[in-house]
C-alpha atoms as a PDB file:
ATOM      1  CA  MET A   1     -65.911  -5.527  59.380  1.00  0.00           C
ATOM      2  CA  TYR A   2     -64.380  -2.434  61.005  1.00  0.00           C
ATOM      3  CA  MET A   3     -66.401  -1.695  64.057  1.00  0.00           C
ATOM      4  CA  HIS A   4     -68.226   1.647  64.016  1.00  0.00           C
ATOM      5  CA  ILE A   5     -66.283   3.206  61.294  1.00  0.00           C
ATOM      6  CA  ASP A   6     -69.122   3.181  58.766  1.00  0.00           C
ATOM      7  CA  SER A   7     -71.501   4.938  61.365  1.00  0.00           C
ATOM      8  CA  PHE A   8     -68.868   7.464  62.145  1.00  0.00           C
ATOM      9  CA  LEU A   9     -68.545   8.243  58.398  1.00  0.00           C
ATOM     10  CA  ASP A  10     -72.415   8.578  58.188  1.00  0.00           C
ATOM     11  CA  TYR A  11     -72.183  10.866  61.227  1.00  0.00           C
ATOM     12  CA  LEU A  12     -69.835  13.089  59.447  1.00  0.00           C
ATOM     13  CA  ARG A  13     -71.830  13.079  56.158  1.00  0.00           C
ATOM     14  CA  TYR A  14     -75.284  13.562  57.519  1.00  0.00           C
ATOM     15  CA  GLU A  15     -75.035  15.216  60.815  1.00  0.00           C
ATOM     16  CA  ARG A  16     -71.867  17.367  60.506  1.00  0.00           C
ATOM     17  CA  GLY A  17     -72.335  18.035  56.825  1.00  0.00           C
ATOM     18  CA  TYR A  18     -68.941  17.193  55.761  1.00  0.00           C
ATOM     19  CA  SER A  19     -68.338  17.060  51.968  1.00  0.00           C
ATOM     20  CA  ALA A  20     -67.970  13.729  50.220  1.00  0.00           C
ATOM     21  CA  HIS A  21     -64.323  14.409  49.517  1.00  0.00           C
ATOM     22  CA  THR A  22     -63.621  14.837  53.194  1.00  0.00           C
ATOM     23  CA  VAL A  23     -65.633  11.921  54.301  1.00  0.00           C
ATOM     24  CA  GLU A  24     -63.747   9.795  51.815  1.00  0.00           C
ATOM     25  CA  ALA A  25     -60.430  11.023  53.063  1.00  0.00           C
ATOM     26  CA  TYR A  26     -61.412  10.254  56.619  1.00  0.00           C
ATOM     27  CA  GLY A  27     -62.484   6.670  55.594  1.00  0.00           C
ATOM     28  CA  ARG A  28     -59.186   6.000  53.783  1.00  0.00           C
ATOM     29  CA  ASP A  29     -57.111   7.164  56.788  1.00  0.00           C
ATOM     30  CA  LEU A  30     -59.208   5.008  59.314  1.00  0.00           C
ATOM     31  CA  LEU A  31     -59.014   2.041  57.087  1.00  0.00           C
ATOM     32  CA  GLN A  32     -55.334   2.353  56.874  1.00  0.00           C
ATOM     33  CA  PHE A  33     -55.046   2.491  60.585  1.00  0.00           C
ATOM     34  CA  ALA A  34     -57.345  -0.563  60.972  1.00  0.00           C
ATOM     35  CA  LEU A  35     -55.334  -2.560  58.546  1.00  0.00           C
ATOM     36  CA  TYR A  36     -52.141  -1.712  60.372  1.00  0.00           C
ATOM     37  CA  ILE A  37     -53.723  -2.993  63.556  1.00  0.00           C
ATOM     38  CA  ASN A  38     -54.847  -6.229  61.925  1.00  0.00           C
ATOM     39  CA  VAL A  39     -51.463  -6.876  60.465  1.00  0.00           C
ATOM     40  CA  TYR A  40     -49.094  -5.765  63.151  1.00  0.00           C
ATOM     41  CA  THR A  41     -50.982  -6.628  66.396  1.00  0.00           C
ATOM     42  CA  GLU A  42     -53.024  -9.388  67.913  1.00  0.00           C
ATOM     43  CA  ASN A  43     -56.147  -7.303  67.579  1.00  0.00           C
ATOM     44  CA  LYS A  44     -57.207  -9.145  64.477  1.00  0.00           C
ATOM     45  CA  ALA A  45     -60.837  -8.049  64.644  1.00  0.00           C
ATOM     46  CA  PHE A  46     -59.964  -4.376  65.113  1.00  0.00           C
ATOM     47  CA  ASP A  47     -61.868  -3.744  68.357  1.00  0.00           C
ATOM     48  CA  PRO A  48     -61.536  -0.024  69.404  1.00  0.00           C
ATOM     49  CA  HIS A  49     -61.713  -1.225  73.148  1.00  0.00           C
ATOM     50  CA  LEU A  50     -58.384  -2.699  72.639  1.00  0.00           C
ATOM     51  CA  ILE A  51     -56.532   0.033  71.025  1.00  0.00           C
ATOM     52  CA  ASP A  52     -53.817   1.708  73.258  1.00  0.00           C
ATOM     53  CA  SER A  53     -51.693   4.702  72.910  1.00  0.00           C
ATOM     54  CA  ASP A  54     -48.552   2.551  72.121  1.00  0.00           C
ATOM     55  CA  GLN A  55     -50.118   1.157  69.138  1.00  0.00           C
ATOM     56  CA  ILE A  56     -50.949   4.527  67.863  1.00  0.00           C
ATOM     57  CA  ARG A  57     -47.552   5.749  68.376  1.00  0.00           C
ATOM     58  CA  ASN A  58     -46.083   2.810  66.551  1.00  0.00           C
ATOM     59  CA  TRP A  59     -48.536   3.481  63.770  1.00  0.00           C
ATOM     60  CA  LEU A  60     -47.335   7.121  63.455  1.00  0.00           C
ATOM     61  CA  VAL A  61     -43.706   5.821  63.488  1.00  0.00           C
ATOM     62  CA  SER A  62     -44.487   3.537  60.629  1.00  0.00           C
ATOM     63  CA  LEU A  63     -46.039   6.338  58.744  1.00  0.00           C
ATOM     64  CA  LEU A  64     -42.991   8.602  59.082  1.00  0.00           C
ATOM     65  CA  ASP A  65     -40.703   5.626  58.202  1.00  0.00           C
ATOM     66  CA  SER A  66     -42.620   5.297  54.891  1.00  0.00           C
ATOM     67  CA  ARG A  67     -41.426   8.822  54.080  1.00  0.00           C
ATOM     68  CA  ILE A  68     -44.847  10.409  54.621  1.00  0.00           C
ATOM     69  CA  THR A  69     -44.886  14.164  55.307  1.00  0.00           C
ATOM     70  CA  ALA A  70     -45.567  15.575  58.742  1.00  0.00           C
ATOM     71  CA  SER A  71     -48.627  17.274  57.456  1.00  0.00           C
ATOM     72  CA  SER A  72     -50.089  13.936  55.952  1.00  0.00           C
ATOM     73  CA  ALA A  73     -49.418  12.218  59.273  1.00  0.00           C
ATOM     74  CA  ASN A  74     -51.166  14.888  61.128  1.00  0.00           C
ATOM     75  CA  ARG A  75     -54.140  14.821  58.946  1.00  0.00           C
ATOM     76  CA  LYS A  76     -54.383  11.066  59.558  1.00  0.00           C
ATOM     77  CA  LEU A  77     -53.905  11.469  63.266  1.00  0.00           C
ATOM     78  CA  SER A  78     -56.689  14.108  63.201  1.00  0.00           C
ATOM     79  CA  ALA A  79     -59.073  11.590  61.554  1.00  0.00           C
ATOM     80  CA  LEU A  80     -58.323   9.015  64.179  1.00  0.00           C
ATOM     81  CA  LYS A  81     -58.868  11.578  66.951  1.00  0.00           C
ATOM     82  CA  SER A  82     -62.286  12.475  65.579  1.00  0.00           C
ATOM     83  CA  TYR A  83     -63.171   8.874  65.256  1.00  0.00           C
ATOM     84  CA  PHE A  84     -62.384   8.235  69.057  1.00  0.00           C
ATOM     85  CA  ARG A  85     -64.212  11.388  70.173  1.00  0.00           C
ATOM     86  CA  TYR A  86     -67.170  10.060  68.254  1.00  0.00           C
ATOM     87  CA  LEU A  87     -66.901   6.721  70.039  1.00  0.00           C
ATOM     88  CA  LEU A  88     -66.724   8.421  73.391  1.00  0.00           C
ATOM     89  CA  LYS A  89     -69.807  10.397  72.641  1.00  0.00           C
ATOM     90  CA  GLN A  90     -71.685   7.300  71.691  1.00  0.00           C
ATOM     91  CA  ASN A  91     -70.494   5.552  74.832  1.00  0.00           C
ATOM     92  CA  VAL A  92     -68.832   2.871  72.815  1.00  0.00           C
ATOM     93  CA  VAL A  93     -65.440   3.329  74.690  1.00  0.00           C
ATOM     94  CA  SER A  94     -64.750   4.703  78.032  1.00  0.00           C
ATOM     95  CA  LYS A  95     -61.435   6.187  77.512  1.00  0.00           C
ATOM     96  CA  ASN A  96     -59.480   7.869  74.603  1.00  0.00           C
ATOM     97  CA  PRO A  97     -56.127   6.441  73.849  1.00  0.00           C
ATOM     98  CA  LEU A  98     -55.243   9.541  71.875  1.00  0.00           C
ATOM     99  CA  GLN A  99     -55.611  11.931  74.780  1.00  0.00           C
ATOM    100  CA  LEU A 100     -51.807  12.420  75.402  1.00  0.00           C
ATOM    101  CA  ILE A 101     -50.645  11.873  71.730  1.00  0.00           C
ATOM    102  CA  SER A 102     -49.404  14.715  69.715  1.00  0.00           C
ATOM    103  CA  GLY A 103     -48.449  14.591  66.000  1.00  0.00           C
ATOM    104  CA  PRO A 104     -45.100  15.239  64.476  1.00  0.00           C
ATOM    105  CA  LYS A 105     -43.885  18.826  64.196  1.00  0.00           C
ATOM    106  CA  LYS A 106     -44.059  20.267  60.865  1.00  0.00           C
ATOM    107  CA  LYS A 107     -41.035  21.946  59.323  1.00  0.00           C
ATOM    108  CA  PRO A 108     -41.750  25.655  59.137  1.00  0.00           C
ATOM    109  CA  VAL A 109     -42.226  26.983  55.608  1.00  0.00           C
ATOM    110  CA  LEU A 110     -40.647  30.392  55.436  1.00  0.00           C
ATOM    111  CA  PRO A 111     -42.842  32.915  53.530  1.00  0.00           C
ATOM    112  CA  SER A 112     -41.706  33.920  50.027  1.00  0.00           C
ATOM    113  CA  PHE A 113     -40.584  37.531  49.705  1.00  0.00           C
ATOM    114  CA  LEU A 114     -38.927  39.897  47.232  1.00  0.00           C
ATOM    115  CA  ARG A 115     -35.562  41.326  47.769  1.00  0.00           C
ATOM    116  CA  ASP A 116     -34.915  45.033  47.696  1.00  0.00           C
ATOM    117  CA  ARG A 117     -33.695  45.096  44.218  1.00  0.00           C
ATOM    118  CA  ASP A 118     -36.612  43.002  42.916  1.00  0.00           C
ATOM    119  CA  ILE A 119     -39.264  45.249  44.619  1.00  0.00           C
ATOM    120  CA  SER A 120     -37.526  48.335  43.256  1.00  0.00           C
ATOM    121  CA  ARG A 121     -37.477  46.761  39.843  1.00  0.00           C
ATOM    122  CA  LEU A 122     -41.205  46.113  40.130  1.00  0.00           C
ATOM    123  CA  LEU A 123     -42.360  49.373  41.361  1.00  0.00           C
ATOM    124  CA  ASP A 124     -40.101  51.815  39.667  1.00  0.00           C
ATOM    125  CA  SER A 125     -40.267  50.249  36.271  1.00  0.00           C
ATOM    126  CA  ASP A 126     -41.626  51.739  33.117  1.00  0.00           C
ATOM    127  CA  ASP A 127     -43.822  48.655  32.541  1.00  0.00           C
ATOM    128  CA  PHE A 128     -46.988  50.402  33.814  1.00  0.00           C
ATOM    129  CA  GLU A 129     -49.161  52.103  31.153  1.00  0.00           C
ATOM    130  CA  ASP A 130     -50.182  55.829  31.424  1.00  0.00           C
ATOM    131  CA  ASP A 131     -53.791  55.024  31.304  1.00  0.00           C
ATOM    132  CA  PHE A 132     -56.224  54.626  34.141  1.00  0.00           C
ATOM    133  CA  GLU A 133     -55.560  50.868  34.652  1.00  0.00           C
ATOM    134  CA  GLY A 134     -51.778  51.470  34.661  1.00  0.00           C
ATOM    135  CA  ILE A 135     -52.006  54.107  37.261  1.00  0.00           C
ATOM    136  CA  ARG A 136     -54.356  51.881  39.245  1.00  0.00           C
ATOM    137  CA  ASP A 137     -52.139  48.892  39.172  1.00  0.00           C
ATOM    138  CA  ARG A 138     -48.988  50.728  40.188  1.00  0.00           C
ATOM    139  CA  LEU A 139     -50.893  52.114  43.122  1.00  0.00           C
ATOM    140  CA  LEU A 140     -52.308  48.739  43.962  1.00  0.00           C
ATOM    141  CA  LEU A 141     -48.878  47.110  44.088  1.00  0.00           C
ATOM    142  CA  GLU A 142     -47.483  50.120  46.079  1.00  0.00           C
ATOM    143  CA  LEU A 143     -50.107  50.037  48.612  1.00  0.00           C
ATOM    144  CA  LEU A 144     -49.791  46.270  49.158  1.00  0.00           C
ATOM    145  CA  TYR A 145     -46.053  46.668  49.658  1.00  0.00           C
ATOM    146  CA  GLU A 146     -46.145  49.839  51.749  1.00  0.00           C
ATOM    147  CA  THR A 147     -48.706  48.734  54.197  1.00  0.00           C
ATOM    148  CA  GLY A 148     -48.775  44.941  54.196  1.00  0.00           C
ATOM    149  CA  ILE A 149     -52.555  44.693  53.958  1.00  0.00           C
ATOM    150  CA  ARG A 150     -54.231  41.494  52.591  1.00  0.00           C
ATOM    151  CA  ARG A 151     -55.824  41.427  49.119  1.00  0.00           C
ATOM    152  CA  ALA A 152     -59.361  41.082  50.616  1.00  0.00           C
ATOM    153  CA  GLU A 153     -58.601  44.143  52.812  1.00  0.00           C
ATOM    154  CA  LEU A 154     -57.350  46.141  49.801  1.00  0.00           C
ATOM    155  CA  ALA A 155     -60.487  45.141  47.750  1.00  0.00           C
ATOM    156  CA  GLY A 156     -62.756  46.385  50.589  1.00  0.00           C
ATOM    157  CA  ILE A 157     -61.243  49.894  50.995  1.00  0.00           C
ATOM    158  CA  ARG A 158     -63.823  52.625  50.632  1.00  0.00           C
ATOM    159  CA  LYS A 159     -62.936  56.188  49.648  1.00  0.00           C
ATOM    160  CA  GLU A 160     -63.820  57.430  53.069  1.00  0.00           C
ATOM    161  CA  ASP A 161     -61.276  54.960  54.580  1.00  0.00           C
ATOM    162  CA  VAL A 162     -58.387  56.955  53.094  1.00  0.00           C
ATOM    163  CA  ASP A 163     -57.295  60.202  54.797  1.00  0.00           C
ATOM    164  CA  ILE A 164     -54.909  61.707  52.340  1.00  0.00           C
ATOM    165  CA  SER A 165     -53.980  64.783  54.283  1.00  0.00           C
ATOM    166  CA  ALA A 166     -53.335  62.924  57.533  1.00  0.00           C
ATOM    167  CA  MET A 167     -51.681  60.182  55.449  1.00  0.00           C
ATOM    168  CA  GLN A 168     -53.408  57.264  57.062  1.00  0.00           C
ATOM    169  CA  LEU A 169     -55.624  54.289  55.961  1.00  0.00           C
ATOM    170  CA  LYS A 170     -58.426  52.540  57.742  1.00  0.00           C
ATOM    171  CA  VAL A 171     -58.383  48.841  57.143  1.00  0.00           C
ATOM    172  CA  THR A 172     -61.096  46.307  57.959  1.00  0.00           C
ATOM    173  CA  GLY A 173     -59.423  42.935  58.500  1.00  0.00           C
ATOM    174  CA  LYS A 174     -60.534  39.483  59.714  1.00  0.00           C
ATOM    175  CA  ARG A 175     -63.475  39.338  62.013  1.00  0.00           C
ATOM    176  CA  ASN A 176     -64.242  42.958  61.046  1.00  0.00           C
ATOM    177  CA  LYS A 177     -61.466  44.181  63.163  1.00  0.00           C
ATOM    178  CA  GLN A 178     -60.427  47.699  62.155  1.00  0.00           C
ATOM    179  CA  ARG A 179     -56.975  49.233  62.251  1.00  0.00           C
ATOM    180  CA  LEU A 180     -55.259  52.426  61.076  1.00  0.00           C
ATOM    181  CA  ILE A 181     -52.140  52.200  58.986  1.00  0.00           C
ATOM    182  CA  PRO A 182     -49.898  55.307  58.245  1.00  0.00           C
ATOM    183  CA  PHE A 183     -48.518  55.853  54.853  1.00  0.00           C
ATOM    184  CA  ALA A 184     -45.706  58.164  53.471  1.00  0.00           C
ATOM    185  CA  GLU A 185     -45.705  61.059  51.050  1.00  0.00           C
ATOM    186  CA  ARG A 186     -44.767  58.867  48.025  1.00  0.00           C
ATOM    187  CA  LEU A 187     -48.082  56.920  48.448  1.00  0.00           C
ATOM    188  CA  GLN A 188     -49.946  60.226  49.146  1.00  0.00           C
ATOM    189  CA  GLY A 189     -48.903  61.604  45.806  1.00  0.00           C
ATOM    190  CA  MET A 190     -49.835  58.248  43.943  1.00  0.00           C
ATOM    191  CA  LEU A 191     -53.301  58.431  45.627  1.00  0.00           C
ATOM    192  CA  LYS A 192     -53.876  61.810  44.480  1.00  0.00           C
ATOM    193  CA  THR A 193     -52.773  60.951  40.873  1.00  0.00           C
ATOM    194  CA  TYR A 194     -55.144  57.788  40.874  1.00  0.00           C
ATOM    195  CA  LEU A 195     -58.088  59.662  42.292  1.00  0.00           C
ATOM    196  CA  ASP A 196     -57.816  62.348  39.591  1.00  0.00           C
ATOM    197  CA  ALA A 197     -57.543  59.691  36.845  1.00  0.00           C
ATOM    198  CA  LYS A 198     -60.524  57.792  38.315  1.00  0.00           C
ATOM    199  CA  GLN A 199     -62.639  61.101  38.391  1.00  0.00           C
ATOM    200  CA  LYS A 200     -61.932  61.709  34.737  1.00  0.00           C
ATOM    201  CA  THR A 201     -62.246  58.050  33.495  1.00  0.00           C
ATOM    202  CA  VAL A 202     -64.800  56.166  35.638  1.00  0.00           C
ATOM    203  CA  ALA A 203     -68.402  56.697  35.203  1.00  0.00           C
ATOM    204  CA  GLY A 204     -70.631  56.097  38.362  1.00  0.00           C
ATOM    205  CA  ASP A 205     -69.313  55.550  41.805  1.00  0.00           C
ATOM    206  CA  SER A 206     -69.350  52.240  43.790  1.00  0.00           C
ATOM    207  CA  GLY A 207     -67.843  53.921  46.838  1.00  0.00           C
ATOM    208  CA  ARG A 208     -64.796  51.551  46.618  1.00  0.00           C
ATOM    209  CA  LEU A 209     -61.314  52.952  46.156  1.00  0.00           C
ATOM    210  CA  PHE A 210     -60.205  50.395  43.585  1.00  0.00           C
ATOM    211  CA  VAL A 211     -62.416  49.892  40.674  1.00  0.00           C
ATOM    212  CA  ARG A 212     -62.467  48.785  37.071  1.00  0.00           C
ATOM    213  CA  PRO A 213     -62.907  51.249  34.202  1.00  0.00           C
ATOM    214  CA  ASN A 214     -66.709  50.527  34.154  1.00  0.00           C
ATOM    215  CA  GLY A 215     -66.964  51.450  37.842  1.00  0.00           C
ATOM    216  CA  GLU A 216     -67.426  48.033  39.228  1.00  0.00           C
ATOM    217  CA  PRO A 217     -65.191  47.386  42.380  1.00  0.00           C
ATOM    218  CA  LEU A 218     -62.221  45.199  42.002  1.00  0.00           C
ATOM    219  CA  SER A 219     -62.801  41.717  43.621  1.00  0.00           C
ATOM    220  CA  PRO A 220     -60.140  39.874  45.638  1.00  0.00           C
ATOM    221  CA  ALA A 221     -59.832  37.479  42.846  1.00  0.00           C
ATOM    222  CA  MET A 222     -59.135  40.395  40.339  1.00  0.00           C
ATOM    223  CA  VAL A 223     -56.518  41.842  42.730  1.00  0.00           C
ATOM    224  CA  TYR A 224     -54.802  38.409  42.792  1.00  0.00           C
ATOM    225  CA  TYR A 225     -54.677  38.258  38.972  1.00  0.00           C
ATOM    226  CA  ILE A 226     -53.308  41.801  38.646  1.00  0.00           C
ATOM    227  CA  VAL A 227     -50.483  41.051  41.165  1.00  0.00           C
ATOM    228  CA  LYS A 228     -49.674  37.792  39.532  1.00  0.00           C
ATOM    229  CA  LYS A 229     -49.490  39.415  36.006  1.00  0.00           C
ATOM    230  CA  ARG A 230     -47.170  42.249  37.274  1.00  0.00           C
ATOM    231  CA  LEU A 231     -44.935  40.009  39.288  1.00  0.00           C
ATOM    232  CA  GLY A 232     -44.304  38.049  36.059  1.00  0.00           C
ATOM    233  CA  ALA A 233     -41.831  40.815  35.282  1.00  0.00           C
ATOM    234  CA  ILE A 234     -39.497  39.336  37.823  1.00  0.00           C
ATOM    235  CA  PRO A 235     -38.370  35.971  36.549  1.00  0.00           C
ATOM    236  CA  ALA A 236     -36.726  34.696  39.720  1.00  0.00           C
ATOM    237  CA  THR A 237     -40.077  34.859  41.695  1.00  0.00           C
ATOM    238  CA  ASN A 238     -41.539  31.473  42.281  1.00  0.00           C
ATOM    239  CA  LYS A 239     -44.712  32.608  43.974  1.00  0.00           C
ATOM    240  CA  ARG A 240     -46.658  35.507  42.445  1.00  0.00           C
ATOM    241  CA  SER A 241     -49.452  36.606  44.768  1.00  0.00           C
ATOM    242  CA  PRO A 242     -50.445  39.526  46.942  1.00  0.00           C
ATOM    243  CA  HIS A 243     -49.366  37.736  49.940  1.00  0.00           C
ATOM    244  CA  VAL A 244     -45.703  37.784  48.613  1.00  0.00           C
ATOM    245  CA  LEU A 245     -45.984  41.703  48.891  1.00  0.00           C
ATOM    246  CA  ARG A 246     -47.239  41.242  52.458  1.00  0.00           C
ATOM    247  CA  HIS A 247     -44.329  39.102  53.402  1.00  0.00           C
ATOM    248  CA  THR A 248     -42.054  41.483  51.724  1.00  0.00           C
ATOM    249  CA  PHE A 249     -43.459  44.406  53.817  1.00  0.00           C
ATOM    250  CA  ALA A 250     -43.018  42.518  57.167  1.00  0.00           C
ATOM    251  CA  THR A 251     -39.457  41.258  56.234  1.00  0.00           C
ATOM    252  CA  SER A 252     -38.392  44.729  55.119  1.00  0.00           C
ATOM    253  CA  MET A 253     -39.695  46.316  58.248  1.00  0.00           C
ATOM    254  CA  LEU A 254     -37.977  43.930  60.553  1.00  0.00           C
ATOM    255  CA  ASN A 255     -34.705  44.161  58.489  1.00  0.00           C
ATOM    256  CA  ASP A 256     -34.707  47.824  58.923  1.00  0.00           C
ATOM    257  CA  GLY A 257     -35.176  47.707  62.780  1.00  0.00           C
ATOM    258  CA  ALA A 258     -38.919  47.836  63.278  1.00  0.00           C
ATOM    259  CA  GLU A 259     -40.133  46.291  66.577  1.00  0.00           C
ATOM    260  CA  LEU A 260     -41.966  42.909  66.207  1.00  0.00           C
ATOM    261  CA  ASN A 261     -45.001  44.127  68.134  1.00  0.00           C
ATOM    262  CA  ALA A 262     -45.253  47.074  65.880  1.00  0.00           C
ATOM    263  CA  VAL A 263     -45.176  44.923  62.836  1.00  0.00           C
ATOM    264  CA  LYS A 264     -47.866  42.637  64.391  1.00  0.00           C
ATOM    265  CA  GLU A 265     -50.283  45.532  64.784  1.00  0.00           C
ATOM    266  CA  LEU A 266     -49.701  46.759  61.207  1.00  0.00           C
ATOM    267  CA  LEU A 267     -50.252  43.371  59.908  1.00  0.00           C
ATOM    268  CA  GLY A 268     -53.493  42.851  61.866  1.00  0.00           C
ATOM    269  CA  HIS A 269     -52.234  39.706  63.557  1.00  0.00           C
ATOM    270  CA  SER A 270     -54.070  38.560  66.578  1.00  0.00           C
ATOM    271  CA  SER A 271     -50.874  37.261  68.183  1.00  0.00           C
ATOM    272  CA  LEU A 272     -47.036  37.521  67.985  1.00  0.00           C
ATOM    273  CA  ALA A 273     -46.784  33.853  66.972  1.00  0.00           C
ATOM    274  CA  SER A 274     -48.061  34.666  63.378  1.00  0.00           C
ATOM    275  CA  THR A 275     -45.578  37.564  63.106  1.00  0.00           C
ATOM    276  CA  SER A 276     -42.585  35.770  64.529  1.00  0.00           C
ATOM    277  CA  VAL A 277     -42.223  33.694  61.421  1.00  0.00           C
ATOM    278  CA  TYR A 278     -40.716  36.677  59.748  1.00  0.00           C
ATOM    279  CA  THR A 279     -37.846  36.758  62.222  1.00  0.00           C
ATOM    280  CA  HIS A 280     -36.757  33.408  60.833  1.00  0.00           C
ATOM    281  CA  ILE A 281     -36.551  35.148  57.478  1.00  0.00           C
ATOM    282  CA  THR A 282     -34.357  37.886  58.846  1.00  0.00           C
ATOM    283  CA  PHE A 283     -32.241  35.283  60.696  1.00  0.00           C
ATOM    284  CA  GLU A 284     -31.708  33.440  57.336  1.00  0.00           C
ATOM    285  CA  GLU A 285     -30.550  36.674  55.844  1.00  0.00           C
ATOM    286  CA  LEU A 286     -28.104  37.250  58.731  1.00  0.00           C
ATOM    287  CA  LYS A 287     -26.666  33.892  58.131  1.00  0.00           C
ATOM    288  CA  LYS A 288     -26.068  34.540  54.446  1.00  0.00           C
ATOM    289  CA  VAL A 289     -24.344  37.805  55.418  1.00  0.00           C
ATOM    290  CA  TYR A 290     -22.183  35.974  57.988  1.00  0.00           C
ATOM    291  CA  HIS A 291     -20.746  33.630  55.427  1.00  0.00           C
ATOM    292  CA  ALA A 292     -19.010  36.680  53.895  1.00  0.00           C
ATOM    293  CA  HIS A 293     -16.882  36.692  57.114  1.00  0.00           C
ATOM    294  CA  PRO A 294     -13.231  35.608  56.201  1.00  0.00           C
ATOM    295  CA  ARG A 295     -13.257  32.971  59.055  1.00  0.00           C
ATOM    296  CA  ALA A 296     -16.655  31.623  58.016  1.00  0.00           C
ATOM    297  CA  LYS A 297     -15.213  30.616  54.697  1.00  0.00           C
ATOM    298  CA  LYS A 298     -12.653  28.223  56.144  1.00  0.00           C
END
């Protein structure tokens, strides 16, 4: 009934290797568009040759009017763009009506972060045990907060990546890109304490910095579990993941006057666009402070 949609879905499934779930989602989105064309236009047979950019824009407007989120609308638009790229490749159509169409802008979601009092409560509390795992978990949280590294980066740190005397850490990030991160005397002391406990407690040596008591290296999933468990001590925290500590690092740095480009390098971002989201957080904080002004209360 709907021209070339079935063949497009077969192309995704068998030639592109898309999962059944993704192919099903593409099919639903394209069927929804085809039904819209059938109901609201004179293109009763849904002929791709007759689809124009105005019809697609009207469809997007109808989606947004139905209270659909910008993310969902963009996903549906992405399915339609893939469909027409396929039709062009198969010489079914000679032009792409979506060439100049862009989706609705998504409202930026500000990263979750901990306030100074909460991060102090977490790291300076007496909730950490005095055994190997307690010493390890305190260092793990401190390292995530003081360096802003990702959980996979932390799990991949090897002993030789840590230069305690020079107080610097070599981190291997995305696409195997390496960067050096300095750290302060507090972390230096905690690293020494941890390595002493590790030598006394752990049998065997995997070469990784963070390990379990049996010597096996901590996986990124285990790092996530430890952070989630420890952040449970802060009731007001909605999100409890290693990335919350990364966000807190970046926010704290910018609030204390660090340059944006320097924070970008420490985080291992490839562009300033990824780092600039934290400037929105600091601006929101400034707005809250401004509301304390007597004239702002009137």
